[in-house]
Protein backbone atom coordinates (compact mmCIF):
# COMPACT_ATOMS: atom_id res chain seq x y z
CA MET A 1 161.99 16.67 41.38
CA GLU A 2 160.80 20.01 40.02
CA LEU A 3 158.86 22.40 42.17
CA THR A 4 156.13 24.35 40.39
CA ARG A 5 155.73 27.93 41.54
CA LEU A 6 152.06 28.74 42.07
CA PRO A 7 150.85 32.18 41.06
CA VAL A 8 149.70 34.26 44.03
CA ASN A 9 147.23 37.08 43.64
CA GLU A 10 149.06 40.35 44.41
CA ARG A 11 146.21 41.67 46.56
CA ALA A 12 146.09 38.41 48.59
CA ALA A 13 149.84 38.58 49.13
CA LYS A 14 149.59 42.12 50.54
CA VAL A 15 146.69 41.15 52.82
CA ASN A 16 148.66 38.16 54.11
CA GLU A 17 151.70 40.35 54.72
CA THR A 18 149.64 42.92 56.66
CA VAL A 19 147.93 40.25 58.79
CA GLU A 20 151.29 38.66 59.55
CA ARG A 21 152.80 42.02 60.54
CA ILE A 22 149.90 42.79 62.93
CA ALA A 23 149.91 39.28 64.40
CA ASN A 24 153.67 39.37 64.84
CA PHE A 25 153.52 42.76 66.60
CA ALA A 26 150.73 41.54 68.92
CA ILE A 27 152.55 38.34 69.80
CA ARG A 28 155.88 40.10 70.39
CA SER A 29 154.13 42.66 72.63
CA LEU A 30 152.40 39.86 74.55
CA ASP A 31 155.74 38.06 74.83
CA LYS A 32 157.32 41.15 76.42
CA LEU A 33 154.43 41.59 78.84
CA ARG A 34 154.07 38.07 80.22
CA GLY A 35 157.38 36.50 79.21
CA ARG A 36 157.99 33.43 77.12
CA ALA A 37 157.46 29.99 78.69
CA ALA A 38 160.52 28.63 76.87
CA ASN A 39 163.81 30.45 77.51
CA TYR A 40 164.47 30.29 73.79
CA ASP A 41 165.90 33.12 71.66
CA ASP A 42 164.42 32.63 68.18
CA GLU A 43 166.13 35.79 66.90
CA HIS A 44 169.59 34.28 67.37
CA TYR A 45 168.56 30.62 66.95
CA GLU A 46 169.91 29.76 70.42
CA PHE A 47 168.60 29.31 73.91
CA VAL A 48 168.91 32.32 76.21
CA GLY A 49 172.54 32.50 77.29
CA GLY A 50 174.00 31.79 73.88
CA ALA A 51 175.78 28.69 72.61
CA ARG A 52 178.31 28.19 75.44
CA ASP A 53 179.95 25.44 73.45
CA GLU A 54 182.55 24.83 76.16
CA LEU A 55 179.83 23.46 78.44
CA ARG A 56 178.58 21.28 75.62
CA LYS A 57 182.07 19.94 74.91
CA LYS A 58 182.81 19.23 78.59
CA HIS A 59 179.55 17.38 79.19
CA TYR A 60 177.34 16.55 76.20
CA ASP A 61 180.11 15.66 73.74
CA LYS A 62 182.19 13.90 76.41
CA SER A 63 179.18 11.95 77.66
CA LEU A 64 178.42 10.79 74.13
CA ARG A 65 182.01 9.57 73.73
CA LEU A 66 181.84 7.75 77.07
CA LEU A 67 178.29 6.46 76.60
CA TRP A 68 178.43 2.83 77.70
CA LYS A 69 176.08 0.12 76.54
CA ALA A 70 174.34 -1.91 79.22
CA GLU A 71 174.09 -4.90 76.89
CA ALA A 72 177.88 -5.09 76.69
CA GLN A 73 178.69 -4.10 80.28
CA ALA A 74 175.85 -6.01 81.96
CA PRO A 75 174.92 -9.01 79.75
CA TRP A 76 172.72 -10.30 82.58
CA SER A 77 170.34 -7.35 82.16
CA SER A 78 167.33 -7.16 79.82
CA PHE A 79 168.85 -4.02 78.26
CA LYS A 80 169.48 -4.53 74.53
CA ASP A 81 171.07 -1.26 73.46
CA CYS A 82 173.95 -2.39 71.22
CA THR A 83 173.84 -1.71 67.50
CA GLU A 84 174.27 -4.58 65.07
CA GLN A 85 177.87 -3.46 64.49
CA GLU A 86 178.58 -3.35 68.24
CA ARG A 87 177.09 -6.83 68.66
CA GLY A 88 179.35 -8.05 65.88
CA LEU A 89 182.38 -6.64 67.68
CA LEU A 90 181.30 -8.40 70.87
CA ASP A 91 181.01 -11.69 68.98
CA MET A 92 184.47 -11.19 67.47
CA ALA A 93 185.89 -10.43 70.93
CA GLU A 94 184.33 -13.62 72.31
CA ARG A 95 185.85 -15.70 69.52
CA GLY A 96 189.26 -14.28 70.46
CA MET A 97 188.93 -15.25 74.12
CA ASN A 98 190.68 -18.22 75.65
CA GLU A 99 188.64 -20.92 77.39
CA ARG A 100 188.88 -19.34 80.85
CA GLU A 101 187.87 -15.88 79.59
CA ARG A 102 184.95 -17.32 77.62
CA HIS A 103 183.75 -19.24 80.64
CA GLU A 104 183.97 -16.08 82.76
CA ARG A 105 181.81 -14.16 80.30
CA LEU A 106 179.25 -16.92 79.73
CA ARG A 107 178.63 -17.42 83.42
CA ILE A 108 177.44 -13.81 83.75
CA ASP A 109 174.23 -14.18 81.79
CA SER A 110 170.79 -13.35 83.09
CA ALA A 111 170.26 -16.79 84.66
CA ALA A 112 173.74 -17.40 86.06
CA PHE A 113 174.14 -13.91 87.49
CA ARG A 114 171.93 -14.82 90.46
CA ARG A 115 174.07 -17.89 91.11
CA LEU A 116 177.20 -15.72 91.12
CA LEU A 117 175.63 -13.50 93.77
CA ASP A 118 174.57 -16.54 95.81
CA LEU A 119 178.12 -17.90 95.74
CA SER A 120 179.76 -14.55 96.51
CA TYR A 121 177.70 -13.30 99.45
CA THR A 122 176.12 -14.57 102.63
CA PRO A 123 172.38 -13.88 103.09
CA ALA A 124 173.27 -11.09 105.55
CA GLN A 125 175.70 -9.51 103.06
CA LYS A 126 173.08 -9.69 100.30
CA ARG A 127 170.52 -7.94 102.49
CA ALA A 128 173.10 -5.30 103.41
CA LEU A 129 174.06 -4.63 99.80
CA VAL A 130 170.43 -4.43 98.68
CA LYS A 131 169.59 -1.93 101.41
CA ILE A 132 172.61 0.25 100.55
CA ILE A 133 172.31 0.05 96.76
CA SER A 134 168.52 0.44 96.72
CA ALA A 135 168.89 3.63 98.78
CA ILE A 136 170.75 5.20 95.89
CA GLY A 137 168.53 3.33 93.42
CA HIS A 138 165.57 5.33 94.73
CA GLY A 139 167.85 8.34 94.32
CA GLU A 140 168.33 7.52 90.62
CA ALA A 141 164.56 7.79 90.12
CA TYR A 142 164.62 11.28 91.66
CA ALA A 143 167.79 12.20 89.75
CA TRP A 144 165.93 11.38 86.54
CA LEU A 145 163.09 13.72 87.53
CA VAL A 146 165.27 16.51 88.95
CA SER A 147 167.59 16.68 85.94
CA ALA A 148 164.53 16.92 83.67
CA THR A 149 163.05 19.77 85.74
CA LEU A 150 166.37 21.62 85.62
CA LEU A 151 166.30 21.77 81.81
CA PRO A 152 164.13 24.92 81.66
CA GLU A 153 166.19 26.54 84.44
CA VAL A 154 169.68 26.45 82.90
CA LYS A 155 170.81 28.98 80.33
CA SER A 156 172.48 28.36 76.95
CA SER A 157 172.35 25.58 74.42
CA GLY A 158 175.47 24.06 75.98
CA GLY A 159 173.92 23.99 79.45
CA LYS A 160 170.76 22.33 78.18
CA ALA A 161 172.77 19.80 76.18
CA ALA A 162 174.70 18.89 79.34
CA LEU A 163 171.45 18.36 81.30
CA THR A 164 169.99 16.35 78.42
CA MET A 165 172.78 13.79 78.76
CA GLN A 166 172.19 13.58 82.50
CA VAL A 167 168.49 12.86 81.90
CA LEU A 168 169.47 10.08 79.48
CA GLU A 169 172.06 8.60 81.84
CA GLU A 170 169.79 8.75 84.90
CA ALA A 171 167.12 6.83 82.98
CA LYS A 172 169.61 4.06 82.18
CA HIS A 173 170.95 4.06 85.74
CA PHE A 174 167.46 3.59 87.18
CA VAL A 175 166.46 0.74 84.87
CA VAL A 176 169.77 -1.16 85.07
CA MET A 177 170.14 -0.70 88.84
CA ARG A 178 166.58 -1.88 89.39
CA GLU A 179 167.44 -5.16 87.66
CA LEU A 180 170.73 -5.41 89.55
CA VAL A 181 169.02 -5.07 92.93
CA GLN A 182 166.25 -7.49 91.97
CA ALA A 183 168.86 -10.11 91.03
CA PHE A 184 169.89 -10.47 94.70
CA GLY A 185 166.56 -12.17 95.38
CA VAL A 186 165.91 -10.49 98.73
CA PRO A 187 163.16 -8.00 99.65
CA ILE A 188 163.87 -4.46 98.44
CA PRO A 189 163.12 -1.90 101.16
CA ARG A 190 161.05 1.19 100.54
CA GLN A 191 162.59 4.61 101.00
CA SER A 192 163.53 5.39 104.57
CA ALA A 193 162.22 8.61 106.10
CA TRP A 194 165.67 10.15 105.58
CA GLU A 195 165.82 9.22 101.88
CA TYR A 196 162.30 10.60 101.44
CA LEU A 197 163.16 13.93 103.08
CA LEU A 198 166.45 14.27 101.17
CA LEU A 199 165.03 13.43 97.75
CA GLU A 200 161.67 15.18 98.08
CA GLY A 201 163.46 18.26 99.39
CA THR A 202 165.70 18.27 96.32
CA LEU A 203 162.84 17.78 93.86
CA ARG A 204 160.83 20.57 95.51
CA ALA A 205 163.78 22.99 95.62
CA LYS A 206 163.48 26.20 93.64
CA GLY A 207 165.67 27.07 90.67
CA LEU A 208 169.35 26.24 90.76
CA ASP A 209 169.20 25.11 94.41
CA LYS A 210 168.41 21.80 92.70
CA PHE A 211 172.03 21.80 91.47
CA PHE A 212 173.18 21.71 95.08
CA GLY A 213 170.63 19.15 96.26
CA MET A 214 171.07 16.71 93.36
CA ASN A 215 174.42 17.20 91.59
CA ILE A 216 176.49 18.13 94.62
CA LEU A 217 174.80 16.30 97.50
CA VAL A 218 172.84 13.26 96.21
CA GLU A 219 175.22 12.52 93.34
CA THR A 220 178.22 12.66 95.70
CA ILE A 221 176.52 10.11 97.96
CA ALA A 222 175.90 7.95 94.87
CA LEU A 223 179.48 8.43 93.67
CA SER A 224 180.75 7.36 97.11
CA ILE A 225 178.55 4.24 97.22
CA PHE A 226 179.61 3.19 93.72
CA GLY A 227 183.27 3.85 94.54
CA MET A 228 182.90 1.77 97.71
CA VAL A 229 181.35 -1.39 96.20
CA ALA A 230 182.21 -1.35 92.48
CA GLU A 231 185.02 -3.89 92.99
CA PHE A 232 182.71 -6.36 94.77
CA PRO A 233 181.85 -9.55 92.79
CA GLY A 234 179.03 -8.94 90.33
CA LEU A 235 178.96 -5.19 90.94
CA GLU A 236 181.62 -4.19 88.40
CA ILE A 237 178.95 -2.43 86.33
CA LEU A 238 178.86 0.25 89.04
CA GLN A 239 182.27 1.47 87.84
CA MET A 240 180.42 2.76 84.76
CA PHE A 241 177.85 4.45 87.01
CA HIS A 242 180.75 6.03 88.92
CA LEU A 243 182.14 7.56 85.72
CA ASP A 244 178.74 9.03 84.81
CA GLU A 245 178.21 10.46 88.29
CA SER A 246 181.64 12.10 88.20
CA ARG A 247 180.47 14.21 85.25
CA HIS A 248 177.17 14.96 86.98
CA THR A 249 178.90 16.24 90.13
CA ALA A 250 181.17 18.44 87.99
CA LEU A 251 178.30 20.10 86.11
CA PRO A 252 177.44 22.84 88.66
CA VAL A 253 181.13 23.81 88.90
CA ASN A 254 181.41 24.18 85.12
CA TYR A 255 177.99 25.83 84.76
CA PHE A 256 178.66 28.52 87.35
CA GLN A 257 181.95 29.35 85.64
CA GLU A 258 179.87 30.31 82.60
CA PHE A 259 176.97 31.85 84.52
CA PRO A 260 178.23 32.99 87.95
CA MET A 261 175.73 33.28 90.79
CA THR A 262 175.06 36.66 92.29
CA THR A 263 176.64 37.48 95.66
CA ARG A 264 173.23 37.06 97.27
CA GLU A 265 172.74 33.62 95.70
CA LYS A 266 176.21 32.51 96.78
CA SER A 267 176.40 33.82 100.31
CA GLY A 268 172.92 35.02 101.25
CA ALA A 269 171.76 33.75 104.64
CA LEU A 270 168.45 32.42 103.31
CA GLY A 271 170.15 30.46 100.55
CA ARG A 272 172.62 28.90 102.98
CA ILE A 273 169.78 27.94 105.35
CA ARG A 274 167.79 26.38 102.50
CA ARG A 275 170.77 24.31 101.38
CA LEU A 276 171.57 23.27 104.95
CA MET A 277 167.99 22.07 105.41
CA MET A 278 168.28 20.07 102.18
CA ALA A 279 171.51 18.45 103.36
CA LEU A 280 170.60 17.59 106.96
CA PRO A 281 168.76 14.30 106.20
CA ALA A 282 171.98 12.89 104.69
CA ILE A 283 173.55 12.49 108.15
CA PRO A 284 170.82 10.31 109.73
CA LEU A 285 170.59 8.42 106.41
CA VAL A 286 174.21 7.25 106.77
CA LEU A 287 173.60 6.36 110.44
CA TYR A 288 170.48 4.44 109.36
CA LEU A 289 172.77 2.34 107.11
CA GLU A 290 175.38 1.82 109.85
CA PRO A 291 174.56 -1.90 110.50
CA GLU A 292 174.63 -2.70 106.77
CA LEU A 293 177.90 -0.84 106.24
CA ALA A 294 179.40 -2.70 109.21
CA GLU A 295 178.30 -6.01 107.66
CA LEU A 296 180.50 -5.09 104.68
CA GLY A 297 183.40 -4.05 106.91
CA ILE A 298 182.90 -0.29 106.43
CA ASP A 299 182.76 2.26 109.26
CA ALA A 300 179.66 4.43 108.80
CA PHE A 301 181.46 7.49 110.16
CA ASP A 302 184.40 7.02 107.78
CA PHE A 303 181.83 6.81 104.98
CA ALA A 304 179.95 9.90 106.23
CA GLY A 305 183.18 11.86 106.68
CA SER A 306 184.31 10.98 103.17
CA ILE A 307 180.97 12.16 101.73
CA LEU A 308 180.89 15.41 103.71
CA ARG A 309 184.47 16.26 102.73
CA LYS A 310 183.62 15.77 99.04
CA VAL A 311 180.35 17.70 99.29
CA ALA A 312 182.18 20.58 100.98
CA ARG A 313 184.88 20.53 98.31
CA LEU A 314 182.36 20.66 95.46
CA SER A 315 180.40 23.37 97.30
CA VAL A 316 183.57 25.49 97.41
CA ARG A 317 184.33 24.89 93.74
CA ALA A 318 180.74 25.81 92.79
CA GLU A 319 180.94 28.80 95.20
CA PHE A 320 178.07 27.68 97.44
CA LEU A 321 180.63 27.87 100.31
CA THR A 322 183.87 29.71 100.92
CA GLU A 323 187.02 27.79 101.89
CA GLN A 324 186.67 29.03 105.47
CA GLN A 325 183.01 28.03 105.70
CA ALA A 326 183.83 24.56 104.38
CA LYS A 327 186.65 24.18 106.89
CA GLU A 328 184.39 25.20 109.78
CA GLN A 329 181.59 22.91 108.56
CA ASN A 330 183.92 19.90 108.34
CA ALA A 331 185.32 20.62 111.81
CA PHE A 332 181.81 20.87 113.26
CA PHE A 333 180.66 17.54 111.85
CA ASN A 334 183.93 15.87 112.87
CA ASP A 335 183.33 17.03 116.46
CA VAL A 336 179.75 15.73 116.33
CA PHE A 337 180.86 12.32 115.00
CA ASN A 338 183.56 11.97 117.66
CA ALA A 339 181.13 12.95 120.42
CA TYR A 340 178.64 10.34 119.20
CA CYS A 341 181.32 7.65 118.98
CA ARG A 342 182.55 8.41 122.50
CA LEU A 343 179.04 7.69 123.75
CA THR A 344 178.43 4.56 121.68
CA ARG A 345 181.88 2.96 121.16
CA GLU A 346 183.95 1.74 124.06
CA GLY A 347 187.52 3.07 124.03
CA HIS A 348 186.93 5.45 121.12
CA GLU A 349 189.87 7.77 120.41
CA LEU A 350 189.66 11.12 118.64
CA LYS A 351 189.69 10.61 114.87
CA ASP A 352 189.65 12.82 111.81
CA PHE A 353 186.68 11.27 110.02
CA MET A 354 186.79 14.02 107.40
CA SER A 355 190.04 12.65 105.98
CA ALA A 356 188.69 9.08 105.66
CA GLU A 357 188.31 7.48 102.23
CA THR A 358 186.00 4.54 101.55
CA SER A 359 186.24 4.53 97.74
CA LYS A 360 188.42 1.70 96.42
CA GLY A 361 190.52 1.02 93.34
CA GLU A 362 192.96 3.14 91.36
CA ALA A 363 190.52 3.86 88.50
CA VAL A 364 187.95 5.20 90.99
CA ALA A 365 190.62 7.18 92.85
CA ARG A 366 191.88 8.74 89.60
CA THR A 367 188.37 9.86 88.64
CA GLU A 368 187.70 11.34 92.07
CA ARG A 369 191.03 13.18 92.20
CA GLU A 370 190.02 14.98 89.01
CA ILE A 371 186.50 15.84 90.22
CA PHE A 372 187.41 16.92 93.72
CA ALA A 373 190.71 18.53 92.67
CA THR A 374 192.72 16.67 95.29
CA ALA A 375 196.34 15.58 95.05
């Protein structure tokens, strides 16, 4: 296709050039005075902060490689996200299955999935699982919103790419988990007061405090719940959620390596108080779930200790806490838990709840060792 060059009157061209120069000067001056709404650097064709490709490679690229399809992992769901080629591979895999394997796959369709849950759990266990999983299901809705609101806050193209994948993954988590919880066929509770305070406090947080509230605190609770129940019958899909959350919890650590906080942001008294206030509702939330955890054979204080240890570890790695502060914080909560148990549990003996681990399975343990940098 040939493009025809149109003749332009020389006087018109000069007028246009002058108007553009004046308009450009006015806009640039206005931009300097009031600031740009988007933290975008059009001069260098990057977001403010530069490319930071390492962040992109650690999160955006990796997340794309590990992007799982709900249609393949959860055939009982209404999610239809496989490409035609991927569906063909699934069909080929089914044809290669033996009779037992084929039966196992076919029984987990949208209709039979409810029957599997009915056979696997008592009514009390189903109610317990729904209360526990829906608590973090409400959290997925807030994670979707919080990760979207963080997009304008983070610097660099790499940082924004990393957050973009979290927005995408939180959307899928919310929709798939909603169907998973509904499949149990029992009433789904509304948010408790503690969930409301924790999640609203995170959404309303200013700036990068959201990183602490969501990626370090809420996502660690989610990671711990998924690691705790992902081997239960019918809940295997939560292993994929666990993998996603592991990247989400690692994001603040990697981001602050590229864009370190100021000393005031890291250790200022006001910042520490704000983050403590955000975190406090997590303790009564776990106690609120104590009967349901007990129904599944899990000690609520082991679960709480495991979460607090991981939150403290991530806080140290992201430099929200020093090693000494984390040690003192863990010791304080361990004393509180033991004091409570002495009052409520007959014959209770002193226990180190902070060393407890409620996540199960080698794959989960391997992922968490990498994230929390433990041996």
